[in-house]
Amino acid sequence: MNVIVVPDAAMIVIPLIEKNGHAYLSPSNFSKYDNTDILEGNLAFDNIISKYSSSELPSGVKSRLFLFSKVAEKADAAIIIGKRPKNRERMYNALNDLILFGGNACNNAHSLEVRIVQELDIPTLKLAYPADRAQLIELINKTNYFLKNLEKIDGTVNDDNLTVELRPKKEKYPIFDLKRLLDTLI
């Protein structure tokens, strides 16, 4: 099966896709020898771009969406890695972080790519960005399980309980519970 990854080039996931017998589709999969095929197509508003953007969208976002639309049409499954936590302690230096988890590039393009994947109606795995070694191992295990059982999975697997912003959902307490708690403590 053809699997796409958002963000593209998250090297922590790509070897697992190939190890489990699937093909990795990448919008930036340039050939060493001939890159003329990347020029096929037109940035006219007659494809997937027109559905998710307006004429005021920056050209960089349009270009990323154009490249992504070429692989989204062929995708049978998707893996989405959530956004980095704001106040996280780095496990690796910036370069290793970029290589392992891919670059978000443009937040607008990233959000639109996630939206496109959600509307494709294909099996999708949503993973939280790992904050420590245990979560990294868990990410690998969840990815392997998803890829091994891909034919049986229907819909989205979101065990990490990611929100629309692709961050783990934080438990919030109603103001009345907080007031009761403070009243009992005081």
N, C-alpha and C. Protein backbone atom coordinates (compact mmCIF):
# COMPACT_ATOMS: atom_id res chain seq x y z
N MET A 1 0.84 -1.18 0.00
CA MET A 1 0.00 0.00 0.00
C MET A 1 0.89 1.25 0.00
N ASN A 2 0.37 2.31 -0.56
CA ASN A 2 1.08 3.58 -0.61
C ASN A 2 0.76 4.40 0.63
N VAL A 3 1.80 4.83 1.35
CA VAL A 3 1.63 5.55 2.61
C VAL A 3 2.30 6.92 2.48
N ILE A 4 1.56 7.96 2.91
CA ILE A 4 2.13 9.31 2.97
C ILE A 4 2.36 9.68 4.43
N VAL A 5 3.30 10.59 4.66
CA VAL A 5 3.65 11.02 6.01
C VAL A 5 3.56 12.54 6.07
N VAL A 6 2.92 13.04 7.11
CA VAL A 6 2.87 14.48 7.36
C VAL A 6 3.49 14.71 8.73
N PRO A 7 4.55 15.48 8.89
CA PRO A 7 5.28 16.21 7.87
C PRO A 7 6.13 15.28 7.03
N ASP A 8 6.31 15.68 5.79
CA ASP A 8 7.09 14.90 4.84
C ASP A 8 8.52 14.74 5.35
N ALA A 9 9.11 13.62 5.06
CA ALA A 9 10.52 13.33 5.38
C ALA A 9 10.77 13.11 6.86
N ALA A 10 9.80 12.60 7.61
CA ALA A 10 10.02 12.22 9.00
C ALA A 10 10.73 10.86 9.00
N MET A 11 12.05 10.90 9.06
CA MET A 11 12.86 9.70 8.87
C MET A 11 12.68 8.65 9.97
N ILE A 12 12.04 9.00 11.05
CA ILE A 12 11.78 8.01 12.10
C ILE A 12 10.73 7.00 11.62
N VAL A 13 9.88 7.41 10.68
CA VAL A 13 8.76 6.59 10.23
C VAL A 13 9.03 5.92 8.88
N ILE A 14 9.77 6.57 8.00
CA ILE A 14 9.94 6.08 6.63
C ILE A 14 10.56 4.68 6.55
N PRO A 15 11.63 4.36 7.30
CA PRO A 15 12.15 3.00 7.23
C PRO A 15 11.14 1.95 7.73
N LEU A 16 10.28 2.34 8.66
CA LEU A 16 9.27 1.40 9.16
C LEU A 16 8.24 1.09 8.07
N ILE A 17 7.91 2.09 7.27
CA ILE A 17 6.95 1.88 6.16
C ILE A 17 7.53 0.86 5.19
N GLU A 18 8.78 1.06 4.80
CA GLU A 18 9.41 0.15 3.84
C GLU A 18 9.67 -1.22 4.46
N LYS A 19 10.01 -1.28 5.74
CA LYS A 19 10.26 -2.56 6.42
C LYS A 19 9.00 -3.42 6.47
N ASN A 20 7.85 -2.76 6.57
CA ASN A 20 6.58 -3.49 6.65
C ASN A 20 5.97 -3.77 5.28
N GLY A 21 6.73 -3.55 4.21
CA GLY A 21 6.30 -3.93 2.87
C GLY A 21 5.41 -2.93 2.16
N HIS A 22 5.40 -1.69 2.61
CA HIS A 22 4.59 -0.66 1.97
C HIS A 22 5.50 0.31 1.22
N ALA A 23 4.90 1.13 0.38
CA ALA A 23 5.66 2.12 -0.38
C ALA A 23 5.44 3.50 0.23
N TYR A 24 6.52 4.23 0.39
CA TYR A 24 6.45 5.59 0.92
C TYR A 24 6.31 6.57 -0.24
N LEU A 25 5.25 7.37 -0.20
CA LEU A 25 5.04 8.40 -1.22
C LEU A 25 5.47 9.73 -0.65
N SER A 26 6.27 10.45 -1.40
CA SER A 26 6.79 11.73 -0.92
C SER A 26 6.65 12.79 -2.01
N PRO A 27 6.14 13.97 -1.64
CA PRO A 27 6.08 15.04 -2.63
C PRO A 27 7.46 15.55 -3.01
N SER A 28 8.46 15.31 -2.19
CA SER A 28 9.81 15.78 -2.48
C SER A 28 10.74 14.64 -2.85
N ASN A 29 10.21 13.58 -3.42
CA ASN A 29 11.00 12.42 -3.79
C ASN A 29 11.68 12.67 -5.13
N PHE A 30 12.73 13.45 -5.10
CA PHE A 30 13.44 13.79 -6.32
C PHE A 30 14.37 12.66 -6.72
N SER A 31 14.50 12.45 -8.02
CA SER A 31 15.40 11.44 -8.55
C SER A 31 16.82 11.99 -8.61
N LYS A 32 17.80 11.12 -8.50
CA LYS A 32 19.19 11.55 -8.63
C LYS A 32 19.51 11.89 -10.09
N TYR A 33 18.76 11.31 -11.01
CA TYR A 33 19.12 11.41 -12.41
C TYR A 33 18.20 12.31 -13.24
N ASP A 34 16.89 12.20 -13.04
CA ASP A 34 15.97 12.93 -13.91
C ASP A 34 14.85 13.53 -13.07
N ASN A 35 14.81 14.84 -12.99
CA ASN A 35 13.78 15.52 -12.21
C ASN A 35 12.75 16.23 -13.09
N THR A 36 12.68 15.87 -14.35
CA THR A 36 11.73 16.55 -15.23
C THR A 36 10.29 16.18 -14.89
N ASP A 37 10.09 15.01 -14.29
CA ASP A 37 8.72 14.61 -13.96
C ASP A 37 8.11 15.47 -12.86
N ILE A 38 8.93 16.14 -12.07
CA ILE A 38 8.40 16.99 -11.01
C ILE A 38 7.73 18.23 -11.60
N LEU A 39 8.06 18.57 -12.83
CA LEU A 39 7.50 19.75 -13.48
C LEU A 39 6.13 19.50 -14.10
N GLU A 40 5.72 18.24 -14.15
CA GLU A 40 4.42 17.95 -14.75
C GLU A 40 3.31 18.58 -13.93
N GLY A 41 2.33 19.11 -14.59
CA GLY A 41 1.20 19.71 -13.88
C GLY A 41 1.24 21.21 -13.98
N ASN A 42 0.21 21.81 -13.47
CA ASN A 42 0.07 23.25 -13.57
C ASN A 42 -0.49 23.75 -12.25
N LEU A 43 -0.04 24.89 -11.82
CA LEU A 43 -0.54 25.44 -10.57
C LEU A 43 -1.87 26.16 -10.76
N ALA A 44 -2.59 25.81 -11.79
CA ALA A 44 -3.91 26.42 -12.02
C ALA A 44 -4.87 25.95 -10.93
N PHE A 45 -5.94 26.72 -10.76
CA PHE A 45 -6.90 26.40 -9.71
C PHE A 45 -7.92 25.37 -10.19
N ASP A 46 -7.46 24.28 -10.75
CA ASP A 46 -8.39 23.25 -11.22
C ASP A 46 -8.17 21.92 -10.49
N ASN A 47 -7.35 21.92 -9.48
CA ASN A 47 -7.13 20.68 -8.75
C ASN A 47 -7.41 20.89 -7.26
N ILE A 48 -6.78 20.10 -6.44
CA ILE A 48 -7.05 20.09 -5.00
C ILE A 48 -6.75 21.43 -4.33
N ILE A 49 -5.87 22.22 -4.92
CA ILE A 49 -5.49 23.50 -4.32
C ILE A 49 -6.70 24.43 -4.22
N SER A 50 -7.52 24.44 -5.25
CA SER A 50 -8.65 25.38 -5.27
C SER A 50 -9.67 25.08 -4.17
N LYS A 51 -9.73 23.84 -3.75
CA LYS A 51 -10.69 23.46 -2.70
C LYS A 51 -10.27 23.97 -1.33
N TYR A 52 -8.97 24.11 -1.09
CA TYR A 52 -8.47 24.45 0.23
C TYR A 52 -7.81 25.81 0.33
N SER A 53 -7.81 26.57 -0.75
CA SER A 53 -7.09 27.84 -0.69
C SER A 53 -7.82 28.93 -1.46
N SER A 54 -7.33 30.12 -1.28
CA SER A 54 -7.87 31.26 -2.01
C SER A 54 -6.75 31.85 -2.87
N SER A 55 -7.08 32.85 -3.64
CA SER A 55 -6.06 33.46 -4.49
C SER A 55 -5.03 34.23 -3.68
N GLU A 56 -5.33 34.56 -2.42
CA GLU A 56 -4.40 35.32 -1.58
C GLU A 56 -3.38 34.43 -0.87
N LEU A 57 -3.49 33.14 -1.01
CA LEU A 57 -2.57 32.22 -0.34
C LEU A 57 -1.15 32.42 -0.88
N PRO A 58 -0.14 32.48 0.00
CA PRO A 58 1.24 32.68 -0.47
C PRO A 58 1.68 31.59 -1.45
N SER A 59 2.53 31.97 -2.37
CA SER A 59 2.95 31.04 -3.43
C SER A 59 3.67 29.82 -2.87
N GLY A 60 4.41 29.96 -1.77
CA GLY A 60 5.09 28.82 -1.18
C GLY A 60 4.12 27.77 -0.67
N VAL A 61 3.03 28.22 -0.08
CA VAL A 61 2.00 27.30 0.41
C VAL A 61 1.32 26.61 -0.78
N LYS A 62 1.01 27.38 -1.81
CA LYS A 62 0.39 26.80 -3.01
C LYS A 62 1.29 25.73 -3.62
N SER A 63 2.58 26.02 -3.69
CA SER A 63 3.52 25.06 -4.28
C SER A 63 3.60 23.79 -3.45
N ARG A 64 3.65 23.93 -2.12
CA ARG A 64 3.68 22.74 -1.26
C ARG A 64 2.39 21.93 -1.43
N LEU A 65 1.26 22.61 -1.49
CA LEU A 65 0.00 21.90 -1.68
C LEU A 65 -0.06 21.22 -3.04
N PHE A 66 0.49 21.87 -4.05
CA PHE A 66 0.51 21.26 -5.39
C PHE A 66 1.31 19.97 -5.36
N LEU A 67 2.52 20.00 -4.79
CA LEU A 67 3.34 18.79 -4.71
C LEU A 67 2.65 17.72 -3.86
N PHE A 68 2.04 18.14 -2.76
CA PHE A 68 1.35 17.19 -1.88
C PHE A 68 0.13 16.58 -2.57
N SER A 69 -0.57 17.36 -3.38
CA SER A 69 -1.76 16.85 -4.06
C SER A 69 -1.42 15.73 -5.03
N LYS A 70 -0.21 15.77 -5.60
CA LYS A 70 0.22 14.71 -6.53
C LYS A 70 0.35 13.36 -5.83
N VAL A 71 0.78 13.35 -4.58
CA VAL A 71 0.91 12.08 -3.87
C VAL A 71 -0.37 11.74 -3.10
N ALA A 72 -1.13 12.73 -2.70
CA ALA A 72 -2.36 12.47 -1.95
C ALA A 72 -3.35 11.67 -2.79
N GLU A 73 -3.36 11.91 -4.08
CA GLU A 73 -4.27 11.19 -4.98
C GLU A 73 -3.96 9.70 -5.02
N LYS A 74 -2.69 9.33 -4.78
CA LYS A 74 -2.26 7.93 -4.87
C LYS A 74 -2.20 7.23 -3.52
N ALA A 75 -2.47 7.95 -2.44
CA ALA A 75 -2.27 7.41 -1.09
C ALA A 75 -3.35 6.42 -0.69
N ASP A 76 -2.91 5.35 -0.01
CA ASP A 76 -3.82 4.36 0.55
C ASP A 76 -3.90 4.47 2.07
N ALA A 77 -2.92 5.15 2.68
CA ALA A 77 -2.87 5.34 4.13
C ALA A 77 -2.00 6.55 4.44
N ALA A 78 -2.12 7.04 5.68
CA ALA A 78 -1.35 8.22 6.08
C ALA A 78 -0.92 8.10 7.52
N ILE A 79 0.24 8.70 7.81
CA ILE A 79 0.75 8.81 9.17
C ILE A 79 1.01 10.29 9.42
N ILE A 80 0.41 10.82 10.49
CA ILE A 80 0.56 12.23 10.84
C ILE A 80 1.25 12.31 12.19
N ILE A 81 2.37 13.04 12.22
CA ILE A 81 3.07 13.27 13.48
C ILE A 81 2.68 14.67 13.96
N GLY A 82 2.26 14.76 15.21
CA GLY A 82 1.78 16.01 15.77
C GLY A 82 2.86 17.06 15.88
N LYS A 83 2.44 18.24 16.28
CA LYS A 83 3.36 19.37 16.42
C LYS A 83 4.22 19.22 17.66
N ARG A 84 5.38 19.84 17.60
CA ARG A 84 6.30 19.80 18.74
C ARG A 84 5.68 20.51 19.94
N PRO A 85 5.85 19.95 21.14
CA PRO A 85 5.39 20.68 22.33
C PRO A 85 6.18 21.97 22.48
N LYS A 86 5.52 23.00 22.98
CA LYS A 86 6.17 24.31 23.08
C LYS A 86 7.33 24.31 24.05
N ASN A 87 7.14 23.82 25.23
CA ASN A 87 8.19 23.84 26.26
C ASN A 87 8.71 22.43 26.48
N ARG A 88 9.43 21.94 25.51
CA ARG A 88 9.94 20.58 25.62
C ARG A 88 11.44 20.61 25.82
N GLU A 89 11.94 19.56 26.42
CA GLU A 89 13.37 19.41 26.57
C GLU A 89 13.85 18.59 25.38
N ARG A 90 14.80 19.12 24.65
CA ARG A 90 15.28 18.43 23.44
C ARG A 90 15.97 17.12 23.77
N MET A 91 15.63 16.10 22.99
CA MET A 91 16.33 14.82 23.12
C MET A 91 17.59 14.82 22.26
N TYR A 92 17.54 15.56 21.16
CA TYR A 92 18.63 15.59 20.19
C TYR A 92 18.93 17.03 19.83
N ASN A 93 20.00 17.24 19.08
CA ASN A 93 20.28 18.59 18.61
C ASN A 93 19.31 18.92 17.47
N ALA A 94 19.32 20.15 17.01
CA ALA A 94 18.33 20.62 16.04
C ALA A 94 18.38 19.84 14.73
N LEU A 95 19.58 19.51 14.25
CA LEU A 95 19.69 18.79 12.99
C LEU A 95 19.12 17.38 13.09
N ASN A 96 19.48 16.65 14.15
CA ASN A 96 18.93 15.31 14.34
C ASN A 96 17.43 15.35 14.51
N ASP A 97 16.94 16.36 15.21
CA ASP A 97 15.50 16.54 15.40
C ASP A 97 14.80 16.70 14.05
N LEU A 98 15.38 17.51 13.20
CA LEU A 98 14.82 17.75 11.87
C LEU A 98 14.84 16.49 11.02
N ILE A 99 15.94 15.75 11.09
CA ILE A 99 16.06 14.52 10.29
C ILE A 99 15.08 13.46 10.78
N LEU A 100 14.96 13.29 12.09
CA LEU A 100 14.09 12.24 12.62
C LEU A 100 12.61 12.53 12.43
N PHE A 101 12.19 13.77 12.67
CA PHE A 101 10.77 14.07 12.71
C PHE A 101 10.30 14.95 11.58
N GLY A 102 11.16 15.34 10.67
CA GLY A 102 10.78 16.15 9.53
C GLY A 102 10.54 17.59 9.92
N GLY A 103 10.63 18.44 8.96
CA GLY A 103 10.39 19.86 9.20
C GLY A 103 8.95 20.20 8.89
N ASN A 104 8.37 21.02 9.70
CA ASN A 104 7.00 21.46 9.50
C ASN A 104 6.91 22.39 8.30
N ALA A 105 8.02 23.01 7.93
CA ALA A 105 8.12 23.96 6.82
C ALA A 105 7.24 25.16 7.11
N CYS A 106 6.05 25.14 6.63
CA CYS A 106 5.12 26.26 6.82
C CYS A 106 3.92 25.74 7.60
N ASN A 107 3.57 26.39 8.67
CA ASN A 107 2.47 25.93 9.51
C ASN A 107 1.14 25.89 8.74
N ASN A 108 0.93 26.87 7.84
CA ASN A 108 -0.30 26.88 7.05
C ASN A 108 -0.37 25.69 6.11
N ALA A 109 0.72 25.40 5.42
CA ALA A 109 0.75 24.26 4.51
C ALA A 109 0.56 22.96 5.30
N HIS A 110 1.21 22.86 6.45
CA HIS A 110 1.09 21.67 7.28
C HIS A 110 -0.36 21.44 7.70
N SER A 111 -1.03 22.49 8.15
CA SER A 111 -2.43 22.37 8.57
C SER A 111 -3.33 21.99 7.41
N LEU A 112 -3.08 22.55 6.24
CA LEU A 112 -3.89 22.21 5.07
C LEU A 112 -3.64 20.77 4.62
N GLU A 113 -2.40 20.31 4.71
CA GLU A 113 -2.10 18.92 4.36
C GLU A 113 -2.83 17.96 5.30
N VAL A 114 -2.86 18.27 6.58
CA VAL A 114 -3.58 17.43 7.54
C VAL A 114 -5.06 17.42 7.20
N ARG A 115 -5.61 18.56 6.85
CA ARG A 115 -7.03 18.65 6.48
C ARG A 115 -7.32 17.82 5.23
N ILE A 116 -6.43 17.86 4.25
CA ILE A 116 -6.61 17.07 3.03
C ILE A 116 -6.60 15.58 3.37
N VAL A 117 -5.67 15.17 4.22
CA VAL A 117 -5.59 13.75 4.61
C VAL A 117 -6.87 13.32 5.31
N GLN A 118 -7.41 14.17 6.18
CA GLN A 118 -8.63 13.82 6.90
C GLN A 118 -9.80 13.61 5.95
N GLU A 119 -9.83 14.33 4.85
CA GLU A 119 -10.94 14.19 3.91
C GLU A 119 -10.73 13.08 2.88
N LEU A 120 -9.56 12.46 2.86
CA LEU A 120 -9.30 11.39 1.90
C LEU A 120 -10.02 10.10 2.25
N ASP A 121 -10.44 9.95 3.49
CA ASP A 121 -11.12 8.74 3.94
C ASP A 121 -10.24 7.51 3.75
N ILE A 122 -9.02 7.60 4.25
CA ILE A 122 -8.08 6.50 4.22
C ILE A 122 -7.64 6.21 5.64
N PRO A 123 -7.13 5.00 5.92
CA PRO A 123 -6.63 4.72 7.26
C PRO A 123 -5.52 5.72 7.63
N THR A 124 -5.66 6.34 8.79
CA THR A 124 -4.73 7.38 9.22
C THR A 124 -4.29 7.13 10.66
N LEU A 125 -3.00 7.25 10.90
CA LEU A 125 -2.46 7.14 12.24
C LEU A 125 -1.98 8.52 12.67
N LYS A 126 -2.52 9.02 13.78
CA LYS A 126 -2.08 10.30 14.34
C LYS A 126 -1.24 10.02 15.57
N LEU A 127 -0.03 10.55 15.57
CA LEU A 127 0.91 10.31 16.66
C LEU A 127 1.34 11.62 17.29
N ALA A 128 1.43 11.62 18.61
CA ALA A 128 1.94 12.80 19.32
C ALA A 128 3.45 12.87 19.14
N TYR A 129 3.96 14.07 19.09
CA TYR A 129 5.40 14.28 18.98
C TYR A 129 6.04 13.77 20.27
N PRO A 130 7.03 12.88 20.17
CA PRO A 130 7.60 12.30 21.39
C PRO A 130 8.44 13.30 22.17
N ALA A 131 8.24 13.31 23.48
CA ALA A 131 8.96 14.24 24.35
C ALA A 131 10.12 13.57 25.10
N ASP A 132 10.13 12.23 25.12
CA ASP A 132 11.22 11.53 25.79
C ASP A 132 11.46 10.18 25.11
N ARG A 133 12.43 9.44 25.61
CA ARG A 133 12.82 8.17 24.98
C ARG A 133 11.68 7.15 25.01
N ALA A 134 10.95 7.07 26.10
CA ALA A 134 9.84 6.11 26.20
C ALA A 134 8.75 6.42 25.17
N GLN A 135 8.44 7.70 25.00
CA GLN A 135 7.43 8.07 24.00
C GLN A 135 7.93 7.82 22.58
N LEU A 136 9.23 7.94 22.36
CA LEU A 136 9.81 7.65 21.05
C LEU A 136 9.67 6.17 20.72
N ILE A 137 9.95 5.32 21.68
CA ILE A 137 9.80 3.87 21.48
C ILE A 137 8.33 3.53 21.26
N GLU A 138 7.44 4.19 22.00
CA GLU A 138 6.01 3.98 21.82
C GLU A 138 5.55 4.41 20.43
N LEU A 139 6.10 5.51 19.91
CA LEU A 139 5.78 5.97 18.56
C LEU A 139 6.17 4.91 17.53
N ILE A 140 7.35 4.32 17.69
CA ILE A 140 7.81 3.28 16.77
C ILE A 140 6.91 2.06 16.85
N ASN A 141 6.54 1.65 18.07
CA ASN A 141 5.68 0.48 18.24
C ASN A 141 4.28 0.72 17.64
N LYS A 142 3.71 1.88 17.87
CA LYS A 142 2.39 2.20 17.31
C LYS A 142 2.43 2.23 15.79
N THR A 143 3.51 2.77 15.24
CA THR A 143 3.65 2.83 13.79
C THR A 143 3.76 1.42 13.21
N ASN A 144 4.57 0.58 13.82
CA ASN A 144 4.71 -0.81 13.36
C ASN A 144 3.38 -1.54 13.41
N TYR A 145 2.65 -1.39 14.51
CA TYR A 145 1.36 -2.05 14.65
C TYR A 145 0.39 -1.58 13.57
N PHE A 146 0.34 -0.28 13.35
CA PHE A 146 -0.54 0.29 12.33
C PHE A 146 -0.20 -0.27 10.94
N LEU A 147 1.09 -0.30 10.61
CA LEU A 147 1.50 -0.75 9.28
C LEU A 147 1.30 -2.25 9.08
N LYS A 148 1.48 -3.04 10.14
CA LYS A 148 1.28 -4.48 10.03
C LYS A 148 -0.19 -4.84 9.87
N ASN A 149 -1.08 -4.03 10.44
CA ASN A 149 -2.51 -4.31 10.42
C ASN A 149 -3.28 -3.33 9.52
N LEU A 150 -2.63 -2.79 8.53
CA LEU A 150 -3.21 -1.74 7.70
C LEU A 150 -4.47 -2.18 6.98
N GLU A 151 -4.52 -3.42 6.52
CA GLU A 151 -5.71 -3.89 5.80
C GLU A 151 -6.94 -3.97 6.70
N LYS A 152 -6.72 -4.16 8.00
CA LYS A 152 -7.84 -4.31 8.94
C LYS A 152 -8.32 -2.97 9.51
N ILE A 153 -7.54 -1.92 9.35
CA ILE A 153 -7.85 -0.63 9.98
C ILE A 153 -8.74 0.19 9.06
N ASP A 154 -9.78 0.76 9.66
CA ASP A 154 -10.68 1.62 8.91
C ASP A 154 -10.82 2.93 9.68
N GLY A 155 -10.53 4.04 9.04
CA GLY A 155 -10.67 5.33 9.71
C GLY A 155 -9.37 5.79 10.35
N THR A 156 -9.50 6.62 11.37
CA THR A 156 -8.35 7.26 12.00
C THR A 156 -8.05 6.60 13.35
N VAL A 157 -6.78 6.33 13.58
CA VAL A 157 -6.31 5.83 14.87
C VAL A 157 -5.65 7.02 15.57
N ASN A 158 -6.24 7.44 16.69
CA ASN A 158 -5.74 8.60 17.43
C ASN A 158 -5.63 8.24 18.90
N ASP A 159 -4.79 7.27 19.21
CA ASP A 159 -4.62 6.82 20.60
C ASP A 159 -4.00 7.89 21.49
N ASP A 160 -3.25 8.81 20.87
CA ASP A 160 -2.60 9.87 21.65
C ASP A 160 -3.55 11.02 21.95
N ASN A 161 -4.79 10.92 21.49
CA ASN A 161 -5.82 11.92 21.78
C ASN A 161 -5.40 13.33 21.35
N LEU A 162 -4.96 13.44 20.09
CA LEU A 162 -4.53 14.73 19.58
C LEU A 162 -5.73 15.61 19.25
N THR A 163 -5.58 16.89 19.48
CA THR A 163 -6.64 17.85 19.18
C THR A 163 -6.51 18.30 17.72
N VAL A 164 -7.33 19.25 17.34
CA VAL A 164 -7.28 19.80 15.99
C VAL A 164 -5.92 20.43 15.72
N GLU A 165 -5.29 21.01 16.75
CA GLU A 165 -3.98 21.64 16.60
C GLU A 165 -2.85 20.61 16.58
N LEU A 166 -3.17 19.33 16.60
CA LEU A 166 -2.21 18.23 16.60
C LEU A 166 -1.31 18.24 17.83
N ARG A 167 -1.88 18.61 18.94
CA ARG A 167 -1.19 18.56 20.24
C ARG A 167 -2.02 17.67 21.16
N PRO A 168 -1.36 16.96 22.09
CA PRO A 168 -2.14 16.14 23.02
C PRO A 168 -3.15 16.98 23.81
N LYS A 169 -4.33 16.43 23.96
CA LYS A 169 -5.40 17.15 24.66
C LYS A 169 -5.03 17.29 26.13
N LYS A 170 -5.14 18.50 26.63
CA LYS A 170 -4.88 18.75 28.05
C LYS A 170 -6.19 18.70 28.80
N GLU A 171 -6.11 18.07 29.95
CA GLU A 171 -7.32 17.96 30.76
C GLU A 171 -7.61 19.31 31.40
N LYS A 172 -8.81 19.78 31.19
CA LYS A 172 -9.22 21.06 31.77
C LYS A 172 -10.31 20.81 32.80
N TYR A 173 -10.31 21.64 33.83
CA TYR A 173 -11.28 21.50 34.89
C TYR A 173 -12.28 22.64 34.82
N PRO A 174 -13.56 22.34 35.00
CA PRO A 174 -14.55 23.42 35.02
C PRO A 174 -14.28 24.39 36.17
N ILE A 175 -14.64 25.62 35.98
CA ILE A 175 -14.38 26.66 36.98
C ILE A 175 -15.09 26.35 38.30
N PHE A 176 -16.24 25.69 38.24
CA PHE A 176 -16.97 25.35 39.46
C PHE A 176 -16.21 24.34 40.31
N ASP A 177 -15.55 23.37 39.64
CA ASP A 177 -14.73 22.40 40.37
C ASP A 177 -13.54 23.07 41.02
N LEU A 178 -12.94 24.01 40.33
CA LEU A 178 -11.82 24.76 40.88
C LEU A 178 -12.26 25.57 42.09
N LYS A 179 -13.42 26.19 41.99
CA LYS A 179 -13.94 26.98 43.10
C LYS A 179 -14.20 26.09 44.32
N ARG A 180 -14.81 24.91 44.09
CA ARG A 180 -15.05 23.98 45.19
C ARG A 180 -13.74 23.51 45.83
N LEU A 181 -12.76 23.24 45.00
CA LEU A 181 -11.47 22.81 45.50
C LEU A 181 -10.82 23.89 46.36
N LEU A 182 -10.88 25.12 45.89
CA LEU A 182 -10.32 26.22 46.67
C LEU A 182 -11.09 26.45 47.97
N ASP A 183 -12.41 26.32 47.92
CA ASP A 183 -13.22 26.49 49.13
C ASP A 183 -12.89 25.44 50.18
N THR A 184 -12.62 24.20 49.75
CA THR A 184 -12.28 23.15 50.70
C THR A 184 -10.88 23.33 51.27
N LEU A 185 -9.98 23.91 50.50
CA LEU A 185 -8.61 24.10 50.97
C LEU A 185 -8.46 25.31 51.87
N ILE A 186 -9.33 26.30 51.71
CA ILE A 186 -9.19 27.53 52.48
C ILE A 186 -9.97 27.47 53.76
